[in-house]
Amino acid sequence: MSQTLEPRTRTWLSWEWRAALITIVGGAIVAIAVTAYLHFSTPSPEQIEAAHRAKVTASVQAAAAVCTQALAAAKNYGIVPNYAVIATPFPTATRVQGRYACAGATNAARYVIAVDLMCRDLKNPRCVALYSVVQPDGTMLYRRGT
């Protein structure tokens, strides 16, 4: 026993089936796209390690830039000789916020060069202001007036 449908009902049912098919296929495409995005957007452990390594390298370069600028300032003032070099590439923090100390040396003497950071652009020589140059025995070679 089969039922016969009116032409209007048949047309309506065919549109309804097409809409259902479009909804199912569209939903499957969206689900696949979301899964692919989540799978490929999460960084791998190698990418995380590389990003961390790049961040550490940038920090080391910034720290070395502070000591390089400190030694250059001391040389420009004529306090240390032009052949002085950085003894340790990393500055040490002092009790004063924004003031860092770096070690410089020649074959004959060692120096502790204290600088104040005036801004964050370490490539600009004006961002590193020389505060003092002291020898390890406590001899003050230079101190900026307050």
Protein backbone atom coordinates (compact mmCIF):
# COMPACT_ATOMS: atom_id res chain seq x y z
CA MET A 1 0.00 0.00 0.00
CA SER A 2 1.69 3.06 -1.06
CA GLN A 3 0.52 6.53 -0.46
CA THR A 4 0.54 9.07 -3.15
CA LEU A 5 1.45 12.59 -2.21
CA GLU A 6 0.23 15.77 -3.65
CA PRO A 7 2.73 17.63 -5.85
CA ARG A 8 2.94 20.52 -3.36
CA THR A 9 3.78 18.15 -0.52
CA ARG A 10 6.43 16.41 -2.64
CA THR A 11 8.05 19.72 -3.49
CA TRP A 12 8.03 20.73 0.17
CA LEU A 13 9.57 17.41 1.28
CA SER A 14 12.33 17.62 -1.35
CA TRP A 15 13.25 21.11 -0.08
CA GLU A 16 13.20 19.85 3.50
CA TRP A 17 15.53 16.95 2.65
CA ARG A 18 17.89 19.29 0.83
CA ALA A 19 17.97 21.64 3.84
CA ALA A 20 18.69 18.70 6.16
CA LEU A 21 21.47 17.48 3.85
CA ILE A 22 23.01 20.96 3.68
CA THR A 23 22.85 21.24 7.49
CA ILE A 24 24.54 17.87 8.02
CA VAL A 25 27.26 18.46 5.42
CA GLY A 26 27.84 22.04 6.64
CA GLY A 27 28.07 20.88 10.25
CA ALA A 28 30.57 18.19 9.29
CA ILE A 29 32.69 20.76 7.41
CA VAL A 30 32.64 23.14 10.38
CA ALA A 31 33.58 20.31 12.77
CA ILE A 32 36.50 19.27 10.55
CA ALA A 33 37.65 22.90 10.25
CA VAL A 34 37.55 23.43 14.04
CA THR A 35 39.43 20.18 14.65
CA ALA A 36 42.09 21.08 12.10
CA TYR A 37 42.46 24.58 13.58
CA LEU A 38 42.88 23.26 17.11
CA HIS A 39 45.32 20.59 15.96
CA PHE A 40 47.54 22.87 13.91
CA SER A 41 47.30 26.02 16.05
CA THR A 42 48.69 24.49 19.25
CA PRO A 43 52.47 24.85 19.28
CA SER A 44 54.59 21.74 19.45
CA PRO A 45 57.12 21.29 22.27
CA GLU A 46 59.89 22.15 19.80
CA GLN A 47 58.18 25.44 18.92
CA ILE A 48 57.69 26.28 22.60
CA GLU A 49 61.35 25.52 23.32
CA ALA A 50 62.49 27.61 20.34
CA ALA A 51 60.36 30.55 21.50
CA HIS A 52 61.77 30.25 25.02
CA ARG A 53 65.32 30.08 23.65
CA ALA A 54 64.70 33.21 21.56
CA LYS A 55 63.35 35.04 24.61
CA VAL A 56 66.39 34.07 26.69
CA THR A 57 68.73 35.10 23.89
CA ALA A 58 67.04 38.50 23.69
CA SER A 59 67.39 38.94 27.47
CA VAL A 60 71.07 38.00 27.35
CA GLN A 61 71.67 40.45 24.50
CA ALA A 62 69.88 43.21 26.42
CA ALA A 63 71.96 42.51 29.52
CA ALA A 64 75.15 42.54 27.47
CA ALA A 65 74.04 45.83 25.89
CA VAL A 66 73.82 47.44 29.33
CA CYS A 67 77.43 46.51 30.14
CA THR A 68 78.61 47.48 26.66
CA GLN A 69 77.02 50.92 27.00
CA ALA A 70 78.40 51.28 30.54
CA LEU A 71 81.95 50.56 29.39
CA ALA A 72 81.54 52.86 26.38
CA ALA A 73 80.37 55.68 28.65
CA ALA A 74 83.34 55.19 30.99
CA LYS A 75 85.69 55.23 27.98
CA ASN A 76 84.02 58.38 26.60
CA TYR A 77 84.56 60.16 29.91
CA GLY A 78 88.20 59.07 29.84
CA ILE A 79 87.92 57.24 33.16
CA VAL A 80 89.01 53.85 31.88
CA PRO A 81 91.49 53.30 29.05
CA ASN A 82 90.25 52.52 25.55
CA TYR A 83 91.65 48.99 25.73
CA ALA A 84 89.44 48.09 28.73
CA VAL A 85 87.05 45.23 28.15
CA ILE A 86 83.94 43.88 29.84
CA ALA A 87 84.95 41.35 32.50
CA THR A 88 81.48 39.83 32.91
CA PRO A 89 78.76 40.32 30.31
CA PHE A 90 75.90 40.41 32.81
CA PRO A 91 75.08 43.41 34.98
CA THR A 92 74.20 43.03 38.62
CA ALA A 93 71.36 44.91 40.24
CA THR A 94 72.16 47.38 42.99
CA ARG A 95 70.04 48.61 45.88
CA VAL A 96 68.85 51.56 43.81
CA GLN A 97 66.06 50.81 41.35
CA GLY A 98 67.22 51.22 37.75
CA ARG A 99 70.93 51.20 38.66
CA TYR A 100 73.13 48.34 37.50
CA ALA A 101 76.80 47.53 37.99
CA CYS A 102 79.09 45.94 35.42
CA ALA A 103 82.66 44.73 35.74
CA GLY A 104 85.33 46.00 33.41
CA ALA A 105 89.00 45.16 33.30
CA THR A 106 92.37 45.75 31.73
CA ASN A 107 95.53 43.72 32.21
CA ALA A 108 96.52 46.01 35.08
CA ALA A 109 93.25 46.98 36.79
CA ARG A 110 89.63 46.02 37.37
CA TYR A 111 86.66 48.37 37.56
CA VAL A 112 83.07 48.29 38.74
CA ILE A 113 81.04 50.60 36.52
CA ALA A 114 77.60 51.63 37.83
CA VAL A 115 75.04 53.05 35.42
CA ASP A 116 71.45 54.28 35.63
CA LEU A 117 68.98 53.18 32.99
CA MET A 118 67.04 56.21 31.80
CA CYS A 119 64.90 54.42 29.17
CA ARG A 120 64.45 51.00 27.60
CA ASP A 121 66.14 51.66 24.26
CA LEU A 122 69.59 50.29 25.03
CA LYS A 123 70.91 51.15 21.57
CA ASN A 124 70.62 54.83 22.45
CA PRO A 125 73.71 55.93 24.44
CA ARG A 126 71.63 58.52 26.32
CA CYS A 127 69.56 55.78 27.92
CA VAL A 128 72.52 54.59 29.99
CA ALA A 129 73.86 57.30 32.30
CA LEU A 130 77.20 56.69 33.98
CA TYR A 131 76.87 56.90 37.77
CA SER A 132 80.23 55.77 39.14
CA VAL A 133 83.44 53.92 38.42
CA VAL A 134 85.08 52.23 41.39
CA GLN A 135 88.11 49.97 41.71
CA PRO A 136 87.77 46.81 43.84
CA ASP A 137 89.86 48.32 46.63
CA GLY A 138 87.22 51.07 47.00
CA THR A 139 89.06 53.82 45.14
CA MET A 140 86.42 56.05 43.58
CA LEU A 141 87.51 57.09 40.10
CA TYR A 142 84.28 58.85 39.16
CA ARG A 143 80.92 59.62 40.70
CA ARG A 144 78.19 61.66 39.18
CA GLY A 145 77.09 64.60 41.29
CA THR A 146 73.57 64.41 42.63
